[in-house]
Amino acid sequence: FKDNRKNVDLVLLDMIMPGLSGRDTFAKLK
């Protein structure tokens, strides 16, 4: 997302993931 933020129109994000959770990932994308 960092490298392509100009091009990405939408993110489809799984909520339950090992490591960085969906919620944390969402916070970082924001």
Full PDB file with SEQRES, HELIX, SHEET, SSBOND, CRYST1, ORIGX, SCALE, CONECT and MASTER records, all heavy atoms in Angstrom:
SEQRES   1 A   30  PHE LYS ASP ASN ARG LYS ASN VAL ASP LEU VAL LEU LEU          
SEQRES   2 A   30  ASP MET ILE MET PRO GLY LEU SER GLY ARG ASP THR PHE          
SEQRES   3 A   30  ALA LYS LEU LYS                                              
HELIX    1 AA1 GLY A   22  LEU A   29  1                                   8    
CRYST1    1.000    1.000    1.000  90.00  90.00  90.00 P 1           1          
ORIGX1      1.000000  0.000000  0.000000        0.00000                         
ORIGX2      0.000000  1.000000  0.000000        0.00000                         
ORIGX3      0.000000  0.000000  1.000000        0.00000                         
SCALE1      1.000000  0.000000  0.000000        0.00000                         
SCALE2      0.000000  1.000000  0.000000        0.00000                         
SCALE3      0.000000  0.000000  1.000000        0.00000                         
ATOM      1  N   PHE A   1       0.833  -1.206   0.000  1.00  0.00           N  
ATOM      2  CA  PHE A   1       0.000   0.000   0.000  1.00  0.00           C  
ATOM      3  C   PHE A   1       0.869   1.257   0.000  1.00  0.00           C  
ATOM      4  O   PHE A   1       0.586   2.225  -0.715  1.00  0.00           O  
ATOM      5  CB  PHE A   1      -0.954  -0.010   1.209  1.00  0.00           C  
ATOM      6  CG  PHE A   1      -1.970   1.098   1.171  1.00  0.00           C  
ATOM      7  CD1 PHE A   1      -2.954   1.117   0.188  1.00  0.00           C  
ATOM      8  CD2 PHE A   1      -1.958   2.119   2.109  1.00  0.00           C  
ATOM      9  CE1 PHE A   1      -3.906   2.135   0.132  1.00  0.00           C  
ATOM     10  CE2 PHE A   1      -2.898   3.150   2.068  1.00  0.00           C  
ATOM     11  CZ  PHE A   1      -3.874   3.148   1.075  1.00  0.00           C  
ATOM     12  N   LYS A   2       1.952   1.219   0.804  1.00  0.00           N  
ATOM     13  CA  LYS A   2       2.885   2.359   0.865  1.00  0.00           C  
ATOM     14  C   LYS A   2       3.418   2.671  -0.535  1.00  0.00           C  
ATOM     15  O   LYS A   2       3.438   3.816  -0.969  1.00  0.00           O  
ATOM     16  CB  LYS A   2       4.068   2.006   1.763  1.00  0.00           C  
ATOM     17  CG  LYS A   2       4.032   2.711   3.105  1.00  0.00           C  
ATOM     18  CD  LYS A   2       5.344   2.508   3.862  1.00  0.00           C  
ATOM     19  CE  LYS A   2       5.106   2.681   5.344  1.00  0.00           C  
ATOM     20  NZ  LYS A   2       5.786   1.672   6.155  1.00  0.00           N  
ATOM     21  N   ASP A   3       3.858   1.603  -1.236  1.00  0.00           N  
ATOM     22  CA  ASP A   3       4.498   1.797  -2.545  1.00  0.00           C  
ATOM     23  C   ASP A   3       3.494   2.182  -3.630  1.00  0.00           C  
ATOM     24  O   ASP A   3       3.874   2.734  -4.649  1.00  0.00           O  
ATOM     25  CB  ASP A   3       5.212   0.507  -2.984  1.00  0.00           C  
ATOM     26  CG  ASP A   3       6.296   0.116  -1.982  1.00  0.00           C  
ATOM     27  OD1 ASP A   3       6.704   1.000  -1.190  1.00  0.00           O  
ATOM     28  OD2 ASP A   3       6.715  -1.055  -1.970  1.00  0.00           O  
ATOM     29  N   ASN A   4       2.217   1.817  -3.446  1.00  0.00           N  
ATOM     30  CA  ASN A   4       1.259   2.003  -4.547  1.00  0.00           C  
ATOM     31  C   ASN A   4       0.035   2.812  -4.144  1.00  0.00           C  
ATOM     32  O   ASN A   4      -1.021   2.686  -4.760  1.00  0.00           O  
ATOM     33  CB  ASN A   4       0.776   0.647  -5.061  1.00  0.00           C  
ATOM     34  CG  ASN A   4       1.912  -0.221  -5.549  1.00  0.00           C  
ATOM     35  OD1 ASN A   4       2.384  -0.053  -6.661  1.00  0.00           O  
ATOM     36  ND2 ASN A   4       2.351  -1.131  -4.695  1.00  0.00           N  
ATOM     37  N   ARG A   5       0.185   3.631  -3.084  1.00  0.00           N  
ATOM     38  CA  ARG A   5      -1.033   4.240  -2.548  1.00  0.00           C  
ATOM     39  C   ARG A   5      -1.756   5.111  -3.561  1.00  0.00           C  
ATOM     40  O   ARG A   5      -2.973   5.293  -3.491  1.00  0.00           O  
ATOM     41  CB  ARG A   5      -0.757   5.015  -1.266  1.00  0.00           C  
ATOM     42  CG  ARG A   5       0.191   6.171  -1.432  1.00  0.00           C  
ATOM     43  CD  ARG A   5       0.262   6.956  -0.151  1.00  0.00           C  
ATOM     44  NE  ARG A   5      -0.892   7.836  -0.026  1.00  0.00           N  
ATOM     45  CZ  ARG A   5      -0.922   8.845   0.822  1.00  0.00           C  
ATOM     46  NH1 ARG A   5       0.098   9.067   1.622  1.00  0.00           N  
ATOM     47  NH2 ARG A   5      -1.969   9.640   0.891  1.00  0.00           N  
ATOM     48  N   LYS A   6      -1.030   5.631  -4.533  1.00  0.00           N  
ATOM     49  CA  LYS A   6      -1.682   6.473  -5.548  1.00  0.00           C  
ATOM     50  C   LYS A   6      -2.601   5.622  -6.434  1.00  0.00           C  
ATOM     51  O   LYS A   6      -3.591   6.112  -6.972  1.00  0.00           O  
ATOM     52  CB  LYS A   6      -0.616   7.153  -6.427  1.00  0.00           C  
ATOM     53  CG  LYS A   6       0.194   8.216  -5.696  1.00  0.00           C  
ATOM     54  CD  LYS A   6      -0.596   9.529  -5.579  1.00  0.00           C  
ATOM     55  CE  LYS A   6       0.124  10.526  -4.695  1.00  0.00           C  
ATOM     56  NZ  LYS A   6       0.010  10.212  -3.239  1.00  0.00           N  
ATOM     57  N   ASN A   7      -2.241   4.341  -6.588  1.00  0.00           N  
ATOM     58  CA  ASN A   7      -3.007   3.493  -7.509  1.00  0.00           C  
ATOM     59  C   ASN A   7      -4.103   2.676  -6.838  1.00  0.00           C  
ATOM     60  O   ASN A   7      -5.082   2.298  -7.477  1.00  0.00           O  
ATOM     61  CB  ASN A   7      -2.073   2.502  -8.227  1.00  0.00           C  
ATOM     62  CG  ASN A   7      -0.952   3.229  -8.940  1.00  0.00           C  
ATOM     63  OD1 ASN A   7      -1.141   4.369  -9.369  1.00  0.00           O  
ATOM     64  ND2 ASN A   7       0.204   2.597  -9.050  1.00  0.00           N  
ATOM     65  N   VAL A   8      -3.920   2.342  -5.546  1.00  0.00           N  
ATOM     66  CA  VAL A   8      -4.886   1.440  -4.913  1.00  0.00           C  
ATOM     67  C   VAL A   8      -6.172   2.186  -4.574  1.00  0.00           C  
ATOM     68  O   VAL A   8      -6.158   3.160  -3.833  1.00  0.00           O  
ATOM     69  CB  VAL A   8      -4.287   0.799  -3.635  1.00  0.00           C  
ATOM     70  CG1 VAL A   8      -5.338  -0.005  -2.896  1.00  0.00           C  
ATOM     71  CG2 VAL A   8      -3.102  -0.090  -3.999  1.00  0.00           C  
ATOM     72  N   ASP A   9      -7.292   1.723  -5.165  1.00  0.00           N  
ATOM     73  CA  ASP A   9      -8.575   2.399  -4.928  1.00  0.00           C  
ATOM     74  C   ASP A   9      -9.321   1.808  -3.731  1.00  0.00           C  
ATOM     75  O   ASP A   9     -10.162   2.464  -3.132  1.00  0.00           O  
ATOM     76  CB  ASP A   9      -9.464   2.268  -6.169  1.00  0.00           C  
ATOM     77  CG  ASP A   9      -8.804   2.897  -7.387  1.00  0.00           C  
ATOM     78  OD1 ASP A   9      -8.660   4.129  -7.391  1.00  0.00           O  
ATOM     79  OD2 ASP A   9      -8.403   2.154  -8.311  1.00  0.00           O  
ATOM     80  N   LEU A  10      -9.001   0.548  -3.411  1.00  0.00           N  
ATOM     81  CA  LEU A  10      -9.764  -0.125  -2.365  1.00  0.00           C  
ATOM     82  C   LEU A  10      -8.951  -1.271  -1.781  1.00  0.00           C  
ATOM     83  O   LEU A  10      -8.201  -1.936  -2.502  1.00  0.00           O  
ATOM     84  CB  LEU A  10     -11.056  -0.684  -2.984  1.00  0.00           C  
ATOM     85  CG  LEU A  10     -11.957  -1.481  -2.057  1.00  0.00           C  
ATOM     86  CD1 LEU A  10     -13.201  -0.677  -1.730  1.00  0.00           C  
ATOM     87  CD2 LEU A  10     -12.388  -2.789  -2.691  1.00  0.00           C  
ATOM     88  N   VAL A  11      -9.108  -1.503  -0.478  1.00  0.00           N  
ATOM     89  CA  VAL A  11      -8.436  -2.636   0.156  1.00  0.00           C  
ATOM     90  C   VAL A  11      -9.503  -3.615   0.668  1.00  0.00           C  
ATOM     91  O   VAL A  11     -10.461  -3.205   1.322  1.00  0.00           O  
ATOM     92  CB  VAL A  11      -7.543  -2.183   1.337  1.00  0.00           C  
ATOM     93  CG1 VAL A  11      -6.831  -3.377   1.958  1.00  0.00           C  
ATOM     94  CG2 VAL A  11      -6.541  -1.134   0.882  1.00  0.00           C  
ATOM     95  N   LEU A  12      -9.322  -4.902   0.322  1.00  0.00           N  
ATOM     96  CA  LEU A  12     -10.204  -5.954   0.841  1.00  0.00           C  
ATOM     97  C   LEU A  12      -9.398  -6.656   1.930  1.00  0.00           C  
ATOM     98  O   LEU A  12      -8.378  -7.288   1.645  1.00  0.00           O  
ATOM     99  CB  LEU A  12     -10.580  -6.916  -0.289  1.00  0.00           C  
ATOM    100  CG  LEU A  12     -11.631  -7.976   0.012  1.00  0.00           C  
ATOM    101  CD1 LEU A  12     -12.961  -7.336   0.386  1.00  0.00           C  
ATOM    102  CD2 LEU A  12     -11.834  -8.881  -1.203  1.00  0.00           C  
ATOM    103  N   LEU A  13      -9.838  -6.512   3.169  1.00  0.00           N  
ATOM    104  CA  LEU A  13      -8.999  -6.895   4.305  1.00  0.00           C  
ATOM    105  C   LEU A  13      -9.642  -7.995   5.139  1.00  0.00           C  
ATOM    106  O   LEU A  13     -10.772  -7.850   5.608  1.00  0.00           O  
ATOM    107  CB  LEU A  13      -8.754  -5.640   5.165  1.00  0.00           C  
ATOM    108  CG  LEU A  13      -8.058  -5.793   6.509  1.00  0.00           C  
ATOM    109  CD1 LEU A  13      -6.627  -6.297   6.328  1.00  0.00           C  
ATOM    110  CD2 LEU A  13      -8.045  -4.467   7.258  1.00  0.00           C  
ATOM    111  N   ASP A  14      -8.903  -9.092   5.332  1.00  0.00           N  
ATOM    112  CA  ASP A  14      -9.387 -10.177   6.185  1.00  0.00           C  
ATOM    113  C   ASP A  14      -9.253  -9.742   7.641  1.00  0.00           C  
ATOM    114  O   ASP A  14      -8.263  -9.124   8.022  1.00  0.00           O  
ATOM    115  CB  ASP A  14      -8.550 -11.441   5.929  1.00  0.00           C  
ATOM    116  CG  ASP A  14      -9.045 -12.622   6.752  1.00  0.00           C  
ATOM    117  OD1 ASP A  14     -10.254 -12.701   7.010  1.00  0.00           O  
ATOM    118  OD2 ASP A  14      -8.211 -13.456   7.135  1.00  0.00           O  
ATOM    119  N   MET A  15     -10.246 -10.079   8.457  1.00  0.00           N  
ATOM    120  CA  MET A  15     -10.250  -9.574   9.812  1.00  0.00           C  
ATOM    121  C   MET A  15      -9.369 -10.393  10.745  1.00  0.00           C  
ATOM    122  O   MET A  15      -8.679  -9.871  11.607  1.00  0.00           O  
ATOM    123  CB  MET A  15     -11.679  -9.567  10.330  1.00  0.00           C  
ATOM    124  CG  MET A  15     -11.820  -8.887  11.654  1.00  0.00           C  
ATOM    125  SD  MET A  15     -13.547  -8.726  12.075  1.00  0.00           S  
ATOM    126  CE  MET A  15     -13.849 -10.295  12.846  1.00  0.00           C  
ATOM    127  N   ILE A  16      -9.425 -11.724  10.596  1.00  0.00           N  
ATOM    128  CA  ILE A  16      -8.707 -12.567  11.563  1.00  0.00           C  
ATOM    129  C   ILE A  16      -7.457 -13.140  10.919  1.00  0.00           C  
ATOM    130  O   ILE A  16      -7.523 -14.048  10.093  1.00  0.00           O  
ATOM    131  CB  ILE A  16      -9.643 -13.683  12.087  1.00  0.00           C  
ATOM    132  CG1 ILE A  16     -10.811 -13.024  12.815  1.00  0.00           C  
ATOM    133  CG2 ILE A  16      -8.885 -14.622  13.018  1.00  0.00           C  
ATOM    134  CD1 ILE A  16     -11.918 -13.958  13.192  1.00  0.00           C  
ATOM    135  N   MET A  17      -6.305 -12.550  11.251  1.00  0.00           N  
ATOM    136  CA  MET A  17      -5.036 -13.017  10.681  1.00  0.00           C  
ATOM    137  C   MET A  17      -4.012 -13.156  11.798  1.00  0.00           C  
ATOM    138  O   MET A  17      -4.029 -12.385  12.746  1.00  0.00           O  
ATOM    139  CB  MET A  17      -4.512 -12.010   9.643  1.00  0.00           C  
ATOM    140  CG  MET A  17      -5.399 -11.816   8.440  1.00  0.00           C  
ATOM    141  SD  MET A  17      -4.608 -10.743   7.199  1.00  0.00           S  
ATOM    142  CE  MET A  17      -4.593  -9.155   8.026  1.00  0.00           C  
ATOM    143  N   PRO A  18      -3.118 -14.131  11.675  1.00  0.00           N  
ATOM    144  CA  PRO A  18      -2.023 -14.215  12.646  1.00  0.00           C  
ATOM    145  C   PRO A  18      -1.067 -13.047  12.427  1.00  0.00           C  
ATOM    146  O   PRO A  18      -1.062 -12.437  11.364  1.00  0.00           O  
ATOM    147  CB  PRO A  18      -1.340 -15.539  12.295  1.00  0.00           C  
ATOM    148  CG  PRO A  18      -1.741 -15.834  10.886  1.00  0.00           C  
ATOM    149  CD  PRO A  18      -3.077 -15.209  10.685  1.00  0.00           C  
ATOM    150  N   GLY A  19      -0.258 -12.724  13.426  1.00  0.00           N  
ATOM    151  CA  GLY A  19       0.653 -11.584  13.278  1.00  0.00           C  
ATOM    152  C   GLY A  19      -0.131 -10.309  13.465  1.00  0.00           C  
ATOM    153  O   GLY A  19      -0.804 -10.121  14.477  1.00  0.00           O  
ATOM    154  N   LEU A  20      -0.072  -9.464  12.457  1.00  0.00           N  
ATOM    155  CA  LEU A  20      -0.772  -8.190  12.521  1.00  0.00           C  
ATOM    156  C   LEU A  20      -2.266  -8.437  12.266  1.00  0.00           C  
ATOM    157  O   LEU A  20      -2.634  -8.910  11.201  1.00  0.00           O  
ATOM    158  CB  LEU A  20      -0.189  -7.260  11.443  1.00  0.00           C  
ATOM    159  CG  LEU A  20      -0.228  -5.758  11.705  1.00  0.00           C  
ATOM    160  CD1 LEU A  20       0.479  -5.413  13.010  1.00  0.00           C  
ATOM    161  CD2 LEU A  20       0.416  -5.023  10.552  1.00  0.00           C  
ATOM    162  N   SER A  21      -3.107  -8.116  13.246  1.00  0.00           N  
ATOM    163  CA  SER A  21      -4.539  -8.403  13.091  1.00  0.00           C  
ATOM    164  C   SER A  21      -5.171  -7.461  12.074  1.00  0.00           C  
ATOM    165  O   SER A  21      -4.584  -6.444  11.704  1.00  0.00           O  
ATOM    166  CB  SER A  21      -5.245  -8.209  14.424  1.00  0.00           C  
ATOM    167  OG  SER A  21      -5.348  -6.829  14.688  1.00  0.00           O  
ATOM    168  N   GLY A  22      -6.373  -7.790  11.649  1.00  0.00           N  
ATOM    169  CA  GLY A  22      -7.099  -6.939  10.713  1.00  0.00           C  
ATOM    170  C   GLY A  22      -7.241  -5.524  11.237  1.00  0.00           C  
ATOM    171  O   GLY A  22      -7.065  -4.546  10.501  1.00  0.00           O  
ATOM    172  N   ARG A  23      -7.521  -5.425  12.551  1.00  0.00           N  
ATOM    173  CA  ARG A  23      -7.747  -4.097  13.117  1.00  0.00           C  
ATOM    174  C   ARG A  23      -6.466  -3.255  13.099  1.00  0.00           C  
ATOM    175  O   ARG A  23      -6.482  -2.066  12.748  1.00  0.00           O  
ATOM    176  CB  ARG A  23      -8.276  -4.231  14.541  1.00  0.00           C  
ATOM    177  CG  ARG A  23      -8.792  -2.914  15.060  1.00  0.00           C  
ATOM    178  CD  ARG A  23      -9.450  -2.994  16.415  1.00  0.00           C  
ATOM    179  NE  ARG A  23     -10.104  -1.718  16.698  1.00  0.00           N  
ATOM    180  CZ  ARG A  23     -10.742  -1.450  17.827  1.00  0.00           C  
ATOM    181  NH1 ARG A  23     -10.831  -2.366  18.757  1.00  0.00           N  
ATOM    182  NH2 ARG A  23     -11.297  -0.275  18.023  1.00  0.00           N  
ATOM    183  N   ASP A  24      -5.351  -3.893  13.475  1.00  0.00           N  
ATOM    184  CA  ASP A  24      -4.073  -3.160  13.491  1.00  0.00           C  
ATOM    185  C   ASP A  24      -3.653  -2.772  12.072  1.00  0.00           C  
ATOM    186  O   ASP A  24      -3.148  -1.672  11.838  1.00  0.00           O  
ATOM    187  CB  ASP A  24      -2.973  -4.021  14.135  1.00  0.00           C  
ATOM    188  CG  ASP A  24      -3.271  -4.285  15.606  1.00  0.00           C  
ATOM    189  OD1 ASP A  24      -4.080  -3.536  16.190  1.00  0.00           O  
ATOM    190  OD2 ASP A  24      -2.708  -5.251  16.162  1.00  0.00           O  
ATOM    191  N   THR A  25      -3.860  -3.716  11.146  1.00  0.00           N  
ATOM    192  CA  THR A  25      -3.522  -3.432   9.744  1.00  0.00           C  
ATOM    193  C   THR A  25      -4.321  -2.230   9.262  1.00  0.00           C  
ATOM    194  O   THR A  25      -3.780  -1.318   8.630  1.00  0.00           O  
ATOM    195  CB  THR A  25      -3.849  -4.658   8.858  1.00  0.00           C  
ATOM    196  OG1 THR A  25      -3.202  -5.804   9.396  1.00  0.00           O  
ATOM    197  CG2 THR A  25      -3.386  -4.441   7.435  1.00  0.00           C  
ATOM    198  N   PHE A  26      -5.614  -2.226   9.607  1.00  0.00           N  
ATOM    199  CA  PHE A  26      -6.478  -1.122   9.183  1.00  0.00           C  
ATOM    200  C   PHE A  26      -5.964   0.212   9.743  1.00  0.00           C  
ATOM    201  O   PHE A  26      -5.887   1.217   9.034  1.00  0.00           O  
ATOM    202  CB  PHE A  26      -7.918  -1.380   9.636  1.00  0.00           C  
ATOM    203  CG  PHE A  26      -8.849  -0.244   9.333  1.00  0.00           C  
ATOM    204  CD1 PHE A  26      -9.019   0.202   8.027  1.00  0.00           C  
ATOM    205  CD2 PHE A  26      -9.553   0.402  10.345  1.00  0.00           C  
ATOM    206  CE1 PHE A  26      -9.875   1.255   7.736  1.00  0.00           C  
ATOM    207  CE2 PHE A  26     -10.405   1.455  10.059  1.00  0.00           C  
ATOM    208  CZ  PHE A  26     -10.564   1.883   8.756  1.00  0.00           C  
ATOM    209  N   ALA A  27      -5.578   0.201  11.022  1.00  0.00           N  
ATOM    210  CA  ALA A  27      -5.082   1.429  11.660  1.00  0.00           C  
ATOM    211  C   ALA A  27      -3.853   1.947  10.909  1.00  0.00           C  
ATOM    212  O   ALA A  27      -3.723   3.152  10.643  1.00  0.00           O  
ATOM    213  CB  ALA A  27      -4.748   1.146  13.113  1.00  0.00           C  
ATOM    214  N   LYS A  28      -2.942   1.007  10.530  1.00  0.00           N  
ATOM    215  CA  LYS A  28      -1.714   1.421   9.839  1.00  0.00           C  
ATOM    216  C   LYS A  28      -2.006   1.935   8.421  1.00  0.00           C  
ATOM    217  O   LYS A  28      -1.356   2.863   7.948  1.00  0.00           O  
ATOM    218  CB  LYS A  28      -0.729   0.243   9.779  1.00  0.00           C  
ATOM    219  CG  LYS A  28      -0.153  -0.089  11.164  1.00  0.00           C  
ATOM    220  CD  LYS A  28       1.228  -0.715  11.023  1.00  0.00           C  
ATOM    221  CE  LYS A  28       2.094  -0.491  12.243  1.00  0.00           C  
ATOM    222  NZ  LYS A  28       1.826  -1.465  13.318  1.00  0.00           N  
ATOM    223  N   LEU A  29      -2.981   1.296   7.731  1.00  0.00           N  
ATOM    224  CA  LEU A  29      -3.363   1.770   6.397  1.00  0.00           C  
ATOM    225  C   LEU A  29      -3.910   3.192   6.504  1.00  0.00           C  
ATOM    226  O   LEU A  29      -3.638   4.047   5.668  1.00  0.00           O  
ATOM    227  CB  LEU A  29      -4.433   0.858   5.780  1.00  0.00           C  
ATOM    228  CG  LEU A  29      -4.017  -0.563   5.380  1.00  0.00           C  
ATOM    229  CD1 LEU A  29      -5.238  -1.403   5.028  1.00  0.00           C  
ATOM    230  CD2 LEU A  29      -3.048  -0.546   4.193  1.00  0.00           C  
ATOM    231  N   LYS A  30      -4.674   3.437   7.569  1.00  0.00           N  
ATOM    232  CA  LYS A  30      -5.267   4.765   7.764  1.00  0.00           C  
ATOM    233  C   LYS A  30      -4.192   5.811   8.064  1.00  0.00           C  
ATOM    234  O   LYS A  30      -4.334   6.979   7.693  1.00  0.00           O  
ATOM    235  CB  LYS A  30      -6.274   4.741   8.911  1.00  0.00           C  
ATOM    236  CG  LYS A  30      -7.698   4.617   8.416  1.00  0.00           C  
ATOM    237  CD  LYS A  30      -8.695   4.737   9.540  1.00  0.00           C  
ATOM    238  CE  LYS A  30      -9.317   6.118   9.547  1.00  0.00           C  
ATOM    239  NZ  LYS A  30     -10.592   6.146  10.282  1.00  0.00           N  
TER     240      LYS A  30                                                      
MASTER        0    0    0    1    0    0    0    6  239    1    0    3          
END                                                                             
